[in-house]
Amino acid sequence: MAEIKVDVLIEGGKASAAPPLGPALGPTGVNIGQVVGDINTKTADFKGMKVPVTVTVNTESKTYEISIGTPPAAQLIKQEAGVKTAAANPITDKVANLMLEQVMKVAGMKQDSLLGSDVKARCREIIGTCQSMGILIEGKEAQVMLKEIANGDHDVKLMSGKTELTAEEKAKLEEEKAKMTAKLKKRNDELTTQAQALLDQYSDAKKARNKMKDAGIPQTIIDKLAPLT
């Protein structure tokens, strides 16, 4: 059996017969339009993200298999949360809130690469990643949600299979995110002012950096105000 593998990087849901996919598949004799349609169906959940795709073609039978790679869980979480970056300090800073349905969606997309054997276990893995990013789950700290899931408090929702939010739920999350962003900016401005005061107080930049660190100033602010030379 003669096989040809075609590896491409495609934006989710937007595969086409144009390069690089079309020309690569042309010599194999498969129905390119059908392959494109199947890829777009399989990658529909990855809109806005680049997804690695492998098409394995049997050149004798003209049949094919499509294998879809998935972006890292953190990237999928940021996509669902609508944020570009995770929290610099996830212990004190919260950048977004996800509903459990969104956690289930990400867990489903990463199912093949997660260790959990069921929905609850896979969702717990995703929530663990959310914890390291400063993202709340249903308005709660990740550790609280993990305990509640372990206790069976969310079994009904987890078994429902619902992974999409209503327009009302999305609007509420956007409102919450705006409040978090404003709170985070206010705190960042306060810390920047505090760091600047320390920098003005100590002429030696290295000493000022140490004082900032002792005061709990985030490293990003320290590096911005007193970069190492």
Protein backbone atom coordinates (compact mmCIF):
# COMPACT_ATOMS: atom_id res chain seq x y z
CA MET A 1 0.00 0.00 0.00
CA ALA A 2 1.44 3.35 -1.08
CA GLU A 3 0.83 6.19 1.34
CA ILE A 4 1.56 9.86 1.11
CA LYS A 5 1.39 12.20 4.11
CA VAL A 6 0.64 15.86 3.68
CA ASP A 7 1.39 18.08 6.68
CA VAL A 8 -0.01 21.60 6.71
CA LEU A 9 -0.76 24.37 9.19
CA ILE A 10 -4.28 25.71 8.69
CA GLU A 11 -6.46 28.27 10.42
CA GLY A 12 -9.31 26.40 12.08
CA GLY A 13 -12.34 26.04 9.82
CA LYS A 14 -10.70 27.86 6.91
CA ALA A 15 -8.97 25.17 4.87
CA SER A 16 -9.17 25.64 1.10
CA ALA A 17 -7.89 24.12 -2.13
CA ALA A 18 -5.40 26.96 -2.40
CA PRO A 19 -1.74 26.44 -1.46
CA PRO A 20 -0.37 24.76 0.51
CA LEU A 21 -3.09 22.10 0.74
CA GLY A 22 -4.47 21.92 -2.82
CA PRO A 23 -1.19 21.55 -4.72
CA ALA A 24 0.07 19.00 -2.21
CA LEU A 25 -3.04 16.84 -2.54
CA GLY A 26 -3.41 17.21 -6.32
CA PRO A 27 -0.99 14.41 -7.32
CA THR A 28 -2.63 11.94 -4.91
CA GLY A 29 -5.89 11.79 -6.86
CA VAL A 30 -8.22 12.28 -3.88
CA ASN A 31 -11.29 14.50 -3.97
CA ILE A 32 -9.72 17.73 -2.75
CA GLY A 33 -13.04 19.42 -2.09
CA GLN A 34 -14.12 16.55 0.14
CA VAL A 35 -10.84 16.61 2.05
CA VAL A 36 -11.13 20.37 2.56
CA GLY A 37 -14.70 19.98 3.82
CA ASP A 38 -13.71 17.25 6.27
CA ILE A 39 -10.80 19.31 7.58
CA ASN A 40 -13.03 22.34 8.13
CA THR A 41 -15.55 20.22 10.02
CA LYS A 42 -12.85 18.75 12.25
CA THR A 43 -11.22 22.12 12.94
CA ALA A 44 -14.38 24.23 13.35
CA ASP A 45 -13.78 24.63 17.10
CA PHE A 46 -10.32 26.12 16.48
CA LYS A 47 -11.43 29.28 14.67
CA GLY A 48 -8.82 32.00 14.88
CA MET A 49 -6.04 29.54 15.69
CA LYS A 50 -3.44 27.80 13.55
CA VAL A 51 -3.90 24.04 13.68
CA PRO A 52 -1.47 21.35 12.46
CA VAL A 53 -3.21 18.95 10.09
CA THR A 54 -1.92 15.70 8.60
CA VAL A 55 -3.71 14.07 5.65
CA THR A 56 -2.61 10.48 5.03
CA VAL A 57 -3.61 9.34 1.54
CA ASN A 58 -3.71 5.79 0.18
CA THR A 59 -2.77 6.46 -3.44
CA GLU A 60 -4.13 3.10 -4.60
CA SER A 61 -7.62 3.24 -3.08
CA LYS A 62 -7.77 7.05 -3.10
CA THR A 63 -8.91 6.98 0.54
CA TYR A 64 -7.55 9.24 3.23
CA GLU A 65 -7.37 9.85 6.96
CA ILE A 66 -7.18 13.25 8.64
CA SER A 67 -5.30 13.79 11.87
CA ILE A 68 -5.78 17.07 13.69
CA GLY A 69 -3.22 18.40 16.14
CA THR A 70 -4.40 20.74 18.86
CA PRO A 71 -2.93 23.97 20.21
CA PRO A 72 -1.72 23.94 23.84
CA ALA A 73 -4.45 23.93 26.48
CA ALA A 74 -3.37 27.40 27.65
CA GLN A 75 -3.97 28.80 24.17
CA LEU A 76 -7.43 27.25 24.00
CA ILE A 77 -8.25 28.61 27.45
CA LYS A 78 -7.19 32.12 26.43
CA GLN A 79 -9.35 31.80 23.32
CA GLU A 80 -12.39 30.85 25.40
CA ALA A 81 -11.67 33.53 28.01
CA GLY A 82 -11.07 36.21 25.40
CA VAL A 83 -7.72 37.27 26.85
CA LYS A 84 -4.35 37.66 25.17
CA THR A 85 -2.15 36.91 28.16
CA ALA A 86 -2.36 35.05 31.44
CA ALA A 87 -1.93 36.78 34.78
CA ALA A 88 1.61 37.80 35.67
CA ASN A 89 0.90 36.66 39.22
CA PRO A 90 -1.97 34.14 39.18
CA ILE A 91 -2.11 34.06 42.98
CA THR A 92 -3.11 37.70 43.30
CA ASP A 93 -4.25 38.67 39.79
CA LYS A 94 -7.36 37.34 38.04
CA VAL A 95 -7.78 38.10 34.35
CA ALA A 96 -10.99 36.26 33.44
CA ASN A 97 -13.75 33.89 34.49
CA LEU A 98 -14.81 30.74 32.65
CA MET A 99 -18.04 28.81 32.93
CA LEU A 100 -17.79 25.06 33.45
CA GLU A 101 -19.25 24.55 29.97
CA GLN A 102 -16.20 26.27 28.51
CA VAL A 103 -13.89 24.10 30.57
CA MET A 104 -15.70 21.05 29.19
CA LYS A 105 -15.28 22.38 25.65
CA VAL A 106 -11.52 22.78 26.05
CA ALA A 107 -11.27 19.37 27.73
CA GLY A 108 -13.08 17.84 24.77
CA MET A 109 -10.77 19.53 22.28
CA LYS A 110 -7.70 18.27 24.18
CA GLN A 111 -9.17 14.85 25.00
CA ASP A 112 -6.54 12.84 23.12
CA SER A 113 -3.65 14.51 24.94
CA LEU A 114 -5.08 14.56 28.46
CA LEU A 115 -4.48 11.83 31.02
CA GLY A 116 -7.99 11.76 32.49
CA SER A 117 -10.17 8.77 31.65
CA ASP A 118 -13.49 10.59 32.01
CA VAL A 119 -15.00 14.07 31.70
CA LYS A 120 -14.50 14.95 35.36
CA ALA A 121 -10.83 13.99 35.34
CA ARG A 122 -10.14 15.84 32.09
CA CYS A 123 -11.92 18.96 33.32
CA ARG A 124 -9.85 18.87 36.49
CA GLU A 125 -6.70 18.94 34.34
CA ILE A 126 -7.93 21.98 32.42
CA ILE A 127 -8.93 23.73 35.65
CA GLY A 128 -5.42 23.11 36.94
CA THR A 129 -4.08 25.01 33.94
CA CYS A 130 -6.59 27.81 34.56
CA GLN A 131 -5.24 28.09 38.09
CA SER A 132 -1.74 28.78 36.79
CA MET A 133 -3.14 31.47 34.46
CA GLY A 134 -5.17 33.47 36.98
CA ILE A 135 -8.53 32.41 35.57
CA LEU A 136 -11.54 31.75 37.78
CA ILE A 137 -14.11 29.02 37.17
CA GLU A 138 -17.72 30.06 37.68
CA GLY A 139 -16.41 32.98 39.73
CA LYS A 140 -14.47 30.70 42.07
CA GLU A 141 -10.81 29.97 42.66
CA ALA A 142 -9.63 26.88 40.78
CA GLN A 143 -8.88 25.01 44.02
CA VAL A 144 -12.44 25.57 45.25
CA MET A 145 -13.90 24.30 41.97
CA LEU A 146 -11.61 21.25 42.01
CA LYS A 147 -12.88 20.30 45.47
CA GLU A 148 -16.50 20.80 44.43
CA ILE A 149 -16.03 18.58 41.37
CA ALA A 150 -14.37 15.91 43.51
CA ASN A 151 -17.38 16.06 45.85
CA GLY A 152 -19.77 15.58 42.94
CA ASP A 153 -21.34 19.05 43.25
CA HIS A 154 -21.25 19.61 39.48
CA ASP A 155 -21.99 16.11 38.18
CA VAL A 156 -25.27 17.10 36.52
CA LYS A 157 -23.64 19.84 34.48
CA LEU A 158 -20.59 17.74 33.66
CA MET A 159 -22.77 14.92 32.37
CA SER A 160 -25.03 17.24 30.36
CA GLY A 161 -22.57 17.55 27.48
CA LYS A 162 -23.39 21.27 27.11
CA THR A 163 -20.31 23.17 25.94
CA GLU A 164 -21.75 26.34 24.42
CA LEU A 165 -22.95 29.43 26.26
CA THR A 166 -26.07 31.46 25.65
CA ALA A 167 -25.80 35.08 24.50
CA GLU A 168 -26.82 36.17 27.99
CA GLU A 169 -24.10 34.07 29.62
CA LYS A 170 -21.48 35.44 27.22
CA ALA A 171 -22.54 39.02 27.93
CA LYS A 172 -22.28 38.41 31.67
CA LEU A 173 -18.77 37.01 31.31
CA GLU A 174 -17.70 40.01 29.24
CA GLU A 175 -19.02 42.32 31.94
CA GLU A 176 -17.12 40.41 34.61
CA LYS A 177 -13.94 40.45 32.52
CA ALA A 178 -14.19 44.24 32.09
CA LYS A 179 -14.42 44.65 35.86
CA MET A 180 -11.41 42.38 36.38
CA THR A 181 -9.41 44.30 33.78
CA ALA A 182 -10.21 47.62 35.46
CA LYS A 183 -9.30 46.24 38.88
CA LEU A 184 -6.06 44.78 37.56
CA LYS A 185 -5.12 48.08 35.88
CA LYS A 186 -5.78 50.02 39.06
CA ARG A 187 -3.59 47.66 41.06
CA ASN A 188 -0.86 47.76 38.40
CA ASP A 189 -0.89 51.57 38.44
CA GLU A 190 -0.58 51.59 42.22
CA LEU A 191 2.34 49.16 42.15
CA THR A 192 4.04 51.16 39.40
CA THR A 193 3.73 54.32 41.50
CA GLN A 194 5.17 52.48 44.50
CA ALA A 195 8.04 51.11 42.41
CA GLN A 196 8.83 54.53 40.96
CA ALA A 197 9.01 55.98 44.47
CA LEU A 198 11.56 53.33 45.45
CA LEU A 199 13.55 53.98 42.29
CA ASP A 200 13.61 57.72 43.07
CA GLN A 201 14.70 56.96 46.64
CA TYR A 202 17.70 54.80 45.72
CA SER A 203 20.22 56.06 43.20
CA ASP A 204 21.68 52.59 42.77
CA ALA A 205 19.44 50.71 40.31
CA LYS A 206 20.45 47.30 41.66
CA LYS A 207 19.54 48.28 45.21
CA ALA A 208 16.28 49.80 43.98
CA ARG A 209 15.43 46.52 42.20
CA ASN A 210 16.05 44.56 45.40
CA LYS A 211 13.85 46.94 47.39
CA MET A 212 11.10 46.62 44.79
CA LYS A 213 11.32 42.85 44.98
CA ASP A 214 11.14 42.95 48.78
CA ALA A 215 8.03 45.14 48.48
CA GLY A 216 6.31 42.55 46.31
CA ILE A 217 6.49 44.54 43.08
CA PRO A 218 5.91 42.26 40.04
CA GLN A 219 9.03 41.45 38.05
CA THR A 220 7.49 42.90 34.88
CA ILE A 221 7.22 46.33 36.52
CA ILE A 222 10.71 46.10 38.01
CA ASP A 223 12.23 45.25 34.62
CA LYS A 224 10.33 48.07 32.95
CA LEU A 225 11.34 50.79 35.43
CA ALA A 226 14.83 49.57 36.31
CA PRO A 227 16.09 47.32 33.53
CA LEU A 228 19.36 45.49 33.98
CA THR A 229 22.15 47.00 31.93
